[in-house]
């Protein structure tokens, strides 16, 4: 287990890669919280058939990413883990894959891009997080 700015992150041995459509469904469900097949389909770009969406939802449920609840004649689907938790695991995967697990190397690469402009508030927040991490180490 690693920590990034005081947040514990589990190792990425169970990291899941989503297909384009699976990612699209998960993005919609994270934005909506929970939704029916048709509510999801309405928000999809170049939406496949309702049956195809149901099949993808079933696959994501079988993989453990979604839970299904009966609501009248339909089912509603919702993510089994918060977007923040999944995002932190994905971030850890990126750090380990491209930056030798180093948040410093990742931030250096990100901030050294010419087009990347941080606002003063962003710098202040980063400084605050670093100061907090230093105090916790003492």
N, C-alpha and C. Protein backbone atom coordinates (compact mmCIF):
# COMPACT_ATOMS: atom_id res chain seq x y z
N UNK A 1 0.84 -1.17 0.00
CA UNK A 1 0.00 0.00 0.00
C UNK A 1 0.89 1.24 0.00
N UNK A 2 0.49 2.25 -0.76
CA UNK A 2 1.24 3.49 -0.87
C UNK A 2 0.35 4.64 -0.39
N UNK A 3 0.98 5.78 -0.15
CA UNK A 3 0.22 6.97 0.22
C UNK A 3 0.58 8.09 -0.73
N UNK A 4 -0.43 8.80 -1.19
CA UNK A 4 -0.25 9.99 -2.00
C UNK A 4 -1.01 11.10 -1.30
N UNK A 5 -0.31 12.14 -0.86
CA UNK A 5 -0.91 13.24 -0.11
C UNK A 5 -1.81 12.72 1.01
N UNK A 6 -1.32 11.69 1.71
CA UNK A 6 -2.04 11.20 2.86
C UNK A 6 -3.18 10.25 2.55
N UNK A 7 -3.39 9.91 1.28
CA UNK A 7 -4.47 9.00 0.91
C UNK A 7 -3.86 7.64 0.60
N UNK A 8 -4.34 6.60 1.27
CA UNK A 8 -3.83 5.25 1.05
C UNK A 8 -4.32 4.72 -0.29
N UNK A 9 -3.41 4.09 -1.02
CA UNK A 9 -3.74 3.55 -2.33
C UNK A 9 -3.29 2.11 -2.37
N UNK A 10 -4.18 1.21 -2.75
CA UNK A 10 -3.81 -0.19 -2.82
C UNK A 10 -3.04 -0.47 -4.12
N UNK A 11 -2.25 -1.52 -4.11
CA UNK A 11 -1.48 -1.88 -5.29
C UNK A 11 -2.39 -2.23 -6.44
N UNK A 12 -1.88 -2.10 -7.66
CA UNK A 12 -2.69 -2.24 -8.85
C UNK A 12 -2.67 -3.65 -9.44
N UNK A 13 -2.42 -4.66 -8.65
CA UNK A 13 -2.40 -6.00 -9.22
C UNK A 13 -3.75 -6.37 -9.81
N UNK A 14 -4.84 -5.79 -9.29
CA UNK A 14 -6.17 -6.07 -9.80
C UNK A 14 -6.67 -5.00 -10.76
N UNK A 15 -5.76 -4.20 -11.32
CA UNK A 15 -6.16 -3.12 -12.23
C UNK A 15 -6.96 -3.66 -13.40
N UNK A 16 -8.05 -3.01 -13.70
CA UNK A 16 -8.93 -3.43 -14.77
C UNK A 16 -8.85 -2.45 -15.92
N UNK A 17 -8.76 -2.98 -17.11
CA UNK A 17 -8.82 -2.14 -18.30
C UNK A 17 -10.22 -2.29 -18.88
N UNK A 18 -10.84 -1.15 -19.18
CA UNK A 18 -12.17 -1.15 -19.76
C UNK A 18 -12.09 -0.97 -21.26
N UNK A 19 -13.01 -1.59 -21.97
CA UNK A 19 -13.15 -1.30 -23.40
C UNK A 19 -13.70 0.12 -23.53
N UNK A 20 -13.70 0.64 -24.73
CA UNK A 20 -14.22 1.99 -24.96
C UNK A 20 -15.66 2.10 -24.49
N UNK A 21 -16.48 1.14 -24.83
CA UNK A 21 -17.89 1.16 -24.44
C UNK A 21 -18.07 0.98 -22.93
N UNK A 22 -17.28 0.10 -22.33
CA UNK A 22 -17.37 -0.08 -20.88
C UNK A 22 -17.00 1.21 -20.17
N UNK A 23 -15.93 1.88 -20.63
CA UNK A 23 -15.52 3.15 -20.04
C UNK A 23 -16.63 4.18 -20.20
N UNK A 24 -17.26 4.21 -21.37
CA UNK A 24 -18.35 5.14 -21.63
C UNK A 24 -19.50 4.90 -20.64
N UNK A 25 -19.87 3.64 -20.44
CA UNK A 25 -20.94 3.31 -19.49
C UNK A 25 -20.56 3.72 -18.07
N UNK A 26 -19.34 3.42 -17.67
CA UNK A 26 -18.90 3.77 -16.31
C UNK A 26 -18.88 5.28 -16.12
N UNK A 27 -18.42 6.02 -17.12
CA UNK A 27 -18.41 7.49 -17.02
C UNK A 27 -19.83 8.03 -16.83
N UNK A 28 -20.77 7.48 -17.58
CA UNK A 28 -22.17 7.91 -17.46
C UNK A 28 -22.70 7.58 -16.06
N UNK A 29 -22.43 6.38 -15.59
CA UNK A 29 -22.93 6.00 -14.27
C UNK A 29 -22.27 6.80 -13.15
N UNK A 30 -20.99 7.11 -13.27
CA UNK A 30 -20.36 7.95 -12.26
C UNK A 30 -20.99 9.34 -12.26
N UNK A 31 -21.31 9.86 -13.43
CA UNK A 31 -21.93 11.19 -13.51
C UNK A 31 -23.35 11.18 -12.95
N UNK A 32 -24.09 10.10 -13.20
CA UNK A 32 -25.50 10.05 -12.80
C UNK A 32 -25.71 9.44 -11.41
N UNK A 33 -24.77 8.65 -10.95
CA UNK A 33 -24.95 7.95 -9.68
C UNK A 33 -25.55 6.57 -9.90
N UNK A 34 -26.75 6.54 -10.44
CA UNK A 34 -27.37 5.28 -10.85
C UNK A 34 -28.36 5.59 -11.97
N UNK A 35 -28.63 4.57 -12.80
CA UNK A 35 -29.48 4.79 -13.96
C UNK A 35 -29.98 3.47 -14.51
N UNK A 36 -31.05 3.55 -15.30
CA UNK A 36 -31.58 2.39 -16.00
C UNK A 36 -30.84 2.23 -17.33
N UNK A 37 -31.08 1.12 -17.98
CA UNK A 37 -30.46 0.86 -19.28
C UNK A 37 -30.78 1.98 -20.27
N UNK A 38 -32.06 2.37 -20.34
CA UNK A 38 -32.45 3.40 -21.30
C UNK A 38 -31.89 4.77 -20.94
N UNK A 39 -31.82 5.09 -19.66
CA UNK A 39 -31.22 6.37 -19.26
C UNK A 39 -29.75 6.42 -19.66
N UNK A 40 -29.08 5.30 -19.52
CA UNK A 40 -27.67 5.22 -19.93
C UNK A 40 -27.57 5.35 -21.44
N UNK A 41 -28.38 4.58 -22.14
CA UNK A 41 -28.35 4.57 -23.62
C UNK A 41 -28.60 5.96 -24.19
N UNK A 42 -29.51 6.71 -23.59
CA UNK A 42 -29.84 8.07 -24.05
C UNK A 42 -28.63 9.00 -23.99
N UNK A 43 -27.71 8.73 -23.10
CA UNK A 43 -26.55 9.60 -22.91
C UNK A 43 -25.30 9.13 -23.67
N UNK A 44 -25.42 8.01 -24.36
CA UNK A 44 -24.28 7.46 -25.09
C UNK A 44 -24.16 8.08 -26.47
N UNK A 45 -22.93 8.38 -26.85
CA UNK A 45 -22.65 8.79 -28.22
C UNK A 45 -22.72 7.57 -29.11
N UNK A 46 -23.37 7.71 -30.27
CA UNK A 46 -23.46 6.58 -31.20
C UNK A 46 -23.91 5.32 -30.47
N UNK A 47 -25.03 5.44 -29.76
CA UNK A 47 -25.51 4.38 -28.87
C UNK A 47 -25.83 3.08 -29.61
N UNK A 48 -25.39 1.96 -29.05
CA UNK A 48 -25.76 0.66 -29.61
C UNK A 48 -27.21 0.33 -29.20
N UNK A 49 -27.67 -0.82 -29.57
CA UNK A 49 -29.04 -1.24 -29.23
C UNK A 49 -29.18 -1.39 -27.72
N UNK A 50 -30.43 -1.40 -27.25
CA UNK A 50 -30.69 -1.62 -25.82
C UNK A 50 -30.14 -2.96 -25.36
N UNK A 51 -30.27 -3.99 -26.22
CA UNK A 51 -29.74 -5.31 -25.87
C UNK A 51 -28.22 -5.27 -25.70
N UNK A 52 -27.54 -4.53 -26.56
CA UNK A 52 -26.08 -4.43 -26.45
C UNK A 52 -25.68 -3.71 -25.16
N UNK A 53 -26.43 -2.66 -24.81
CA UNK A 53 -26.15 -1.95 -23.55
C UNK A 53 -26.39 -2.87 -22.37
N UNK A 54 -27.49 -3.62 -22.38
CA UNK A 54 -27.77 -4.57 -21.29
C UNK A 54 -26.66 -5.61 -21.16
N UNK A 55 -26.15 -6.08 -22.30
CA UNK A 55 -25.06 -7.06 -22.28
C UNK A 55 -23.81 -6.46 -21.65
N UNK A 56 -23.47 -5.24 -22.04
CA UNK A 56 -22.31 -4.57 -21.45
C UNK A 56 -22.49 -4.36 -19.95
N UNK A 57 -23.70 -3.98 -19.55
CA UNK A 57 -23.98 -3.79 -18.13
C UNK A 57 -23.84 -5.10 -17.36
N UNK A 58 -24.32 -6.18 -17.98
CA UNK A 58 -24.20 -7.50 -17.35
C UNK A 58 -22.73 -7.89 -17.19
N UNK A 59 -21.93 -7.63 -18.21
CA UNK A 59 -20.49 -7.93 -18.14
C UNK A 59 -19.84 -7.14 -17.01
N UNK A 60 -20.15 -5.84 -16.92
CA UNK A 60 -19.58 -5.01 -15.86
C UNK A 60 -20.05 -5.45 -14.48
N UNK A 61 -21.29 -5.92 -14.41
CA UNK A 61 -21.79 -6.46 -13.14
C UNK A 61 -21.04 -7.74 -12.76
N UNK A 62 -20.85 -8.63 -13.73
CA UNK A 62 -20.13 -9.88 -13.48
C UNK A 62 -18.68 -9.63 -13.06
N UNK A 63 -18.08 -8.58 -13.59
CA UNK A 63 -16.70 -8.21 -13.23
C UNK A 63 -16.64 -7.54 -11.86
N UNK A 64 -17.80 -7.20 -11.31
CA UNK A 64 -17.86 -6.60 -9.99
C UNK A 64 -17.81 -5.08 -9.96
N UNK A 65 -17.97 -4.44 -11.11
CA UNK A 65 -17.91 -2.98 -11.19
C UNK A 65 -19.25 -2.31 -10.95
N UNK A 66 -20.34 -3.06 -11.17
CA UNK A 66 -21.68 -2.51 -11.01
C UNK A 66 -22.52 -3.39 -10.11
N UNK A 67 -23.52 -2.77 -9.50
CA UNK A 67 -24.55 -3.55 -8.81
C UNK A 67 -25.88 -3.19 -9.46
N UNK A 68 -26.76 -4.18 -9.48
CA UNK A 68 -28.05 -4.03 -10.14
C UNK A 68 -29.15 -4.15 -9.08
N UNK A 69 -30.14 -3.25 -9.16
CA UNK A 69 -31.26 -3.26 -8.23
C UNK A 69 -32.56 -3.19 -9.01
N UNK A 70 -33.50 -4.04 -8.65
CA UNK A 70 -34.81 -4.05 -9.31
C UNK A 70 -35.58 -2.80 -8.89
N UNK A 71 -36.10 -2.07 -9.86
CA UNK A 71 -36.89 -0.86 -9.61
C UNK A 71 -38.13 -0.93 -10.49
N UNK A 72 -39.22 -1.51 -9.94
CA UNK A 72 -40.41 -1.70 -10.75
C UNK A 72 -40.16 -2.77 -11.78
N UNK A 73 -40.40 -2.43 -13.05
CA UNK A 73 -40.17 -3.40 -14.13
C UNK A 73 -38.74 -3.36 -14.65
N UNK A 74 -37.98 -2.36 -14.23
CA UNK A 74 -36.62 -2.19 -14.74
C UNK A 74 -35.59 -2.43 -13.65
N UNK A 75 -34.34 -2.47 -14.08
CA UNK A 75 -33.22 -2.52 -13.15
C UNK A 75 -32.50 -1.17 -13.21
N UNK A 76 -31.99 -0.76 -12.07
CA UNK A 76 -31.07 0.38 -12.06
C UNK A 76 -29.69 -0.17 -11.77
N UNK A 77 -28.69 0.49 -12.32
CA UNK A 77 -27.30 0.10 -12.17
C UNK A 77 -26.54 1.23 -11.50
N UNK A 78 -25.59 0.86 -10.64
CA UNK A 78 -24.72 1.85 -10.01
C UNK A 78 -23.35 1.24 -9.79
N UNK A 79 -22.31 2.08 -9.79
CA UNK A 79 -20.96 1.58 -9.54
C UNK A 79 -20.83 1.00 -8.14
N UNK A 80 -20.01 -0.04 -7.99
CA UNK A 80 -19.79 -0.65 -6.69
C UNK A 80 -18.73 0.10 -5.88
N UNK A 81 -17.90 0.91 -6.55
CA UNK A 81 -16.88 1.69 -5.86
C UNK A 81 -16.99 3.14 -6.29
N UNK A 82 -16.58 4.03 -5.41
CA UNK A 82 -16.64 5.46 -5.73
C UNK A 82 -15.67 5.80 -6.85
N UNK A 83 -16.00 6.87 -7.55
CA UNK A 83 -15.12 7.35 -8.61
C UNK A 83 -13.76 7.72 -8.05
N UNK A 84 -13.75 8.31 -6.85
CA UNK A 84 -12.48 8.71 -6.23
C UNK A 84 -11.60 7.50 -5.96
N UNK A 85 -12.17 6.43 -5.43
CA UNK A 85 -11.38 5.23 -5.13
C UNK A 85 -10.80 4.61 -6.40
N UNK A 86 -11.63 4.50 -7.43
CA UNK A 86 -11.17 3.94 -8.70
C UNK A 86 -10.12 4.85 -9.34
N UNK A 87 -10.35 6.16 -9.22
CA UNK A 87 -9.39 7.13 -9.77
C UNK A 87 -8.03 7.04 -9.10
N UNK A 88 -8.03 6.85 -7.79
CA UNK A 88 -6.76 6.73 -7.07
C UNK A 88 -6.02 5.46 -7.49
N UNK A 89 -6.75 4.38 -7.69
CA UNK A 89 -6.09 3.15 -8.15
C UNK A 89 -5.52 3.34 -9.56
N UNK A 90 -6.27 4.03 -10.42
CA UNK A 90 -5.78 4.28 -11.78
C UNK A 90 -4.54 5.18 -11.73
N UNK A 91 -4.58 6.19 -10.86
CA UNK A 91 -3.42 7.06 -10.71
C UNK A 91 -2.20 6.27 -10.24
N UNK A 92 -2.40 5.39 -9.29
CA UNK A 92 -1.29 4.56 -8.81
C UNK A 92 -0.72 3.71 -9.94
N UNK A 93 -1.59 3.18 -10.78
CA UNK A 93 -1.15 2.39 -11.92
C UNK A 93 -0.29 3.23 -12.87
N UNK A 94 -0.73 4.46 -13.16
CA UNK A 94 0.03 5.36 -14.03
C UNK A 94 1.39 5.68 -13.39
N UNK A 95 1.38 5.98 -12.10
CA UNK A 95 2.64 6.29 -11.41
C UNK A 95 3.61 5.13 -11.51
N UNK A 96 3.14 3.93 -11.24
CA UNK A 96 4.02 2.76 -11.27
C UNK A 96 4.49 2.43 -12.69
N UNK A 97 3.61 2.58 -13.66
CA UNK A 97 3.92 2.22 -15.04
C UNK A 97 4.87 3.21 -15.71
N UNK A 98 4.64 4.50 -15.49
CA UNK A 98 5.39 5.51 -16.24
C UNK A 98 6.39 6.32 -15.42
N UNK A 99 6.25 6.34 -14.10
CA UNK A 99 7.07 7.23 -13.28
C UNK A 99 7.75 6.53 -12.11
N UNK A 100 7.96 5.22 -12.23
CA UNK A 100 8.67 4.44 -11.21
C UNK A 100 8.04 4.62 -9.83
N UNK A 101 6.72 4.84 -9.81
CA UNK A 101 6.00 5.02 -8.54
C UNK A 101 6.21 6.36 -7.88
N UNK A 102 6.84 7.30 -8.58
CA UNK A 102 7.21 8.59 -7.99
C UNK A 102 6.23 9.69 -8.36
N UNK A 103 5.53 10.22 -7.35
CA UNK A 103 4.64 11.35 -7.57
C UNK A 103 5.45 12.58 -8.00
N UNK A 104 6.67 12.70 -7.47
CA UNK A 104 7.54 13.84 -7.82
C UNK A 104 7.86 13.82 -9.32
N UNK A 105 8.20 12.65 -9.86
CA UNK A 105 8.51 12.55 -11.29
C UNK A 105 7.28 12.85 -12.15
N UNK A 106 6.11 12.39 -11.70
CA UNK A 106 4.88 12.64 -12.45
C UNK A 106 4.54 14.13 -12.44
N UNK A 107 4.63 14.77 -11.27
CA UNK A 107 4.34 16.20 -11.20
C UNK A 107 5.35 17.02 -12.00
N UNK A 108 6.62 16.62 -11.95
CA UNK A 108 7.64 17.32 -12.73
C UNK A 108 7.32 17.24 -14.22
N UNK A 109 6.97 16.05 -14.68
CA UNK A 109 6.62 15.88 -16.09
C UNK A 109 5.40 16.71 -16.45
N UNK A 110 4.40 16.71 -15.60
CA UNK A 110 3.17 17.44 -15.87
C UNK A 110 3.40 18.95 -15.86
N UNK A 111 4.11 19.44 -14.85
CA UNK A 111 4.30 20.88 -14.72
C UNK A 111 5.33 21.45 -15.69
N UNK A 112 6.19 20.61 -16.26
CA UNK A 112 7.21 21.10 -17.19
C UNK A 112 6.66 21.29 -18.61
N UNK A 113 5.44 20.84 -18.82
CA UNK A 113 4.82 21.06 -20.14
C UNK A 113 4.54 22.55 -20.30
N UNK A 114 4.90 23.10 -21.43
CA UNK A 114 4.76 24.55 -21.65
C UNK A 114 3.30 25.00 -21.60
N UNK A 115 2.40 24.19 -22.11
CA UNK A 115 1.01 24.62 -22.15
C UNK A 115 0.31 24.50 -20.80
N UNK A 116 0.96 23.88 -19.82
CA UNK A 116 0.34 23.69 -18.51
C UNK A 116 0.55 24.94 -17.66
N UNK A 117 -0.52 25.61 -17.35
CA UNK A 117 -0.47 26.81 -16.53
C UNK A 117 -1.30 26.59 -15.28
N UNK A 118 -0.65 26.63 -14.13
CA UNK A 118 -1.38 26.51 -12.87
C UNK A 118 -1.75 27.89 -12.36
N UNK A 119 -2.92 27.96 -11.75
CA UNK A 119 -3.35 29.21 -11.13
C UNK A 119 -2.68 29.34 -9.77
N UNK A 120 -2.64 30.55 -9.28
CA UNK A 120 -2.04 30.81 -7.97
C UNK A 120 -2.68 29.92 -6.89
N UNK A 121 -3.99 29.74 -6.95
CA UNK A 121 -4.69 28.91 -5.97
C UNK A 121 -4.22 27.46 -6.04
N UNK A 122 -3.91 26.98 -7.26
CA UNK A 122 -3.40 25.62 -7.42
C UNK A 122 -2.05 25.47 -6.73
N UNK A 123 -1.16 26.45 -6.92
CA UNK A 123 0.15 26.41 -6.27
C UNK A 123 0.00 26.45 -4.75
N UNK A 124 -0.89 27.29 -4.27
CA UNK A 124 -1.11 27.39 -2.83
C UNK A 124 -1.63 26.07 -2.26
N UNK A 125 -2.54 25.42 -2.98
CA UNK A 125 -3.08 24.14 -2.51
C UNK A 125 -2.00 23.06 -2.52
N UNK A 126 -1.19 23.01 -3.56
CA UNK A 126 -0.08 22.05 -3.60
C UNK A 126 0.90 22.29 -2.46
N UNK A 127 1.22 23.55 -2.21
CA UNK A 127 2.12 23.89 -1.11
C UNK A 127 1.51 23.44 0.22
N UNK A 128 0.24 23.68 0.41
CA UNK A 128 -0.43 23.27 1.64
C UNK A 128 -0.38 21.75 1.82
N UNK A 129 -0.63 21.00 0.75
CA UNK A 129 -0.58 19.54 0.83
C UNK A 129 0.83 19.03 1.15
N UNK A 130 1.83 19.65 0.56
CA UNK A 130 3.22 19.27 0.84
C UNK A 130 3.57 19.58 2.28
N UNK A 131 3.18 20.77 2.75
CA UNK A 131 3.46 21.14 4.15
C UNK A 131 2.79 20.17 5.11
N UNK A 132 1.55 19.78 4.84
CA UNK A 132 0.83 18.82 5.69
C UNK A 132 1.54 17.48 5.70
N UNK A 133 1.99 17.03 4.53
CA UNK A 133 2.70 15.75 4.44
C UNK A 133 4.00 15.81 5.24
N UNK A 134 4.71 16.91 5.18
CA UNK A 134 5.96 17.07 5.94
C UNK A 134 5.69 17.03 7.44
N UNK A 135 4.64 17.71 7.89
CA UNK A 135 4.32 17.71 9.32
C UNK A 135 3.98 16.30 9.81
N UNK A 136 3.31 15.52 9.01
CA UNK A 136 2.92 14.16 9.40
C UNK A 136 4.13 13.23 9.48
N UNK A 137 5.18 13.53 8.73
CA UNK A 137 6.39 12.71 8.75
C UNK A 137 7.22 12.93 10.00
N UNK A 138 7.07 14.07 10.64
CA UNK A 138 7.89 14.40 11.82
C UNK A 138 7.45 13.63 13.03
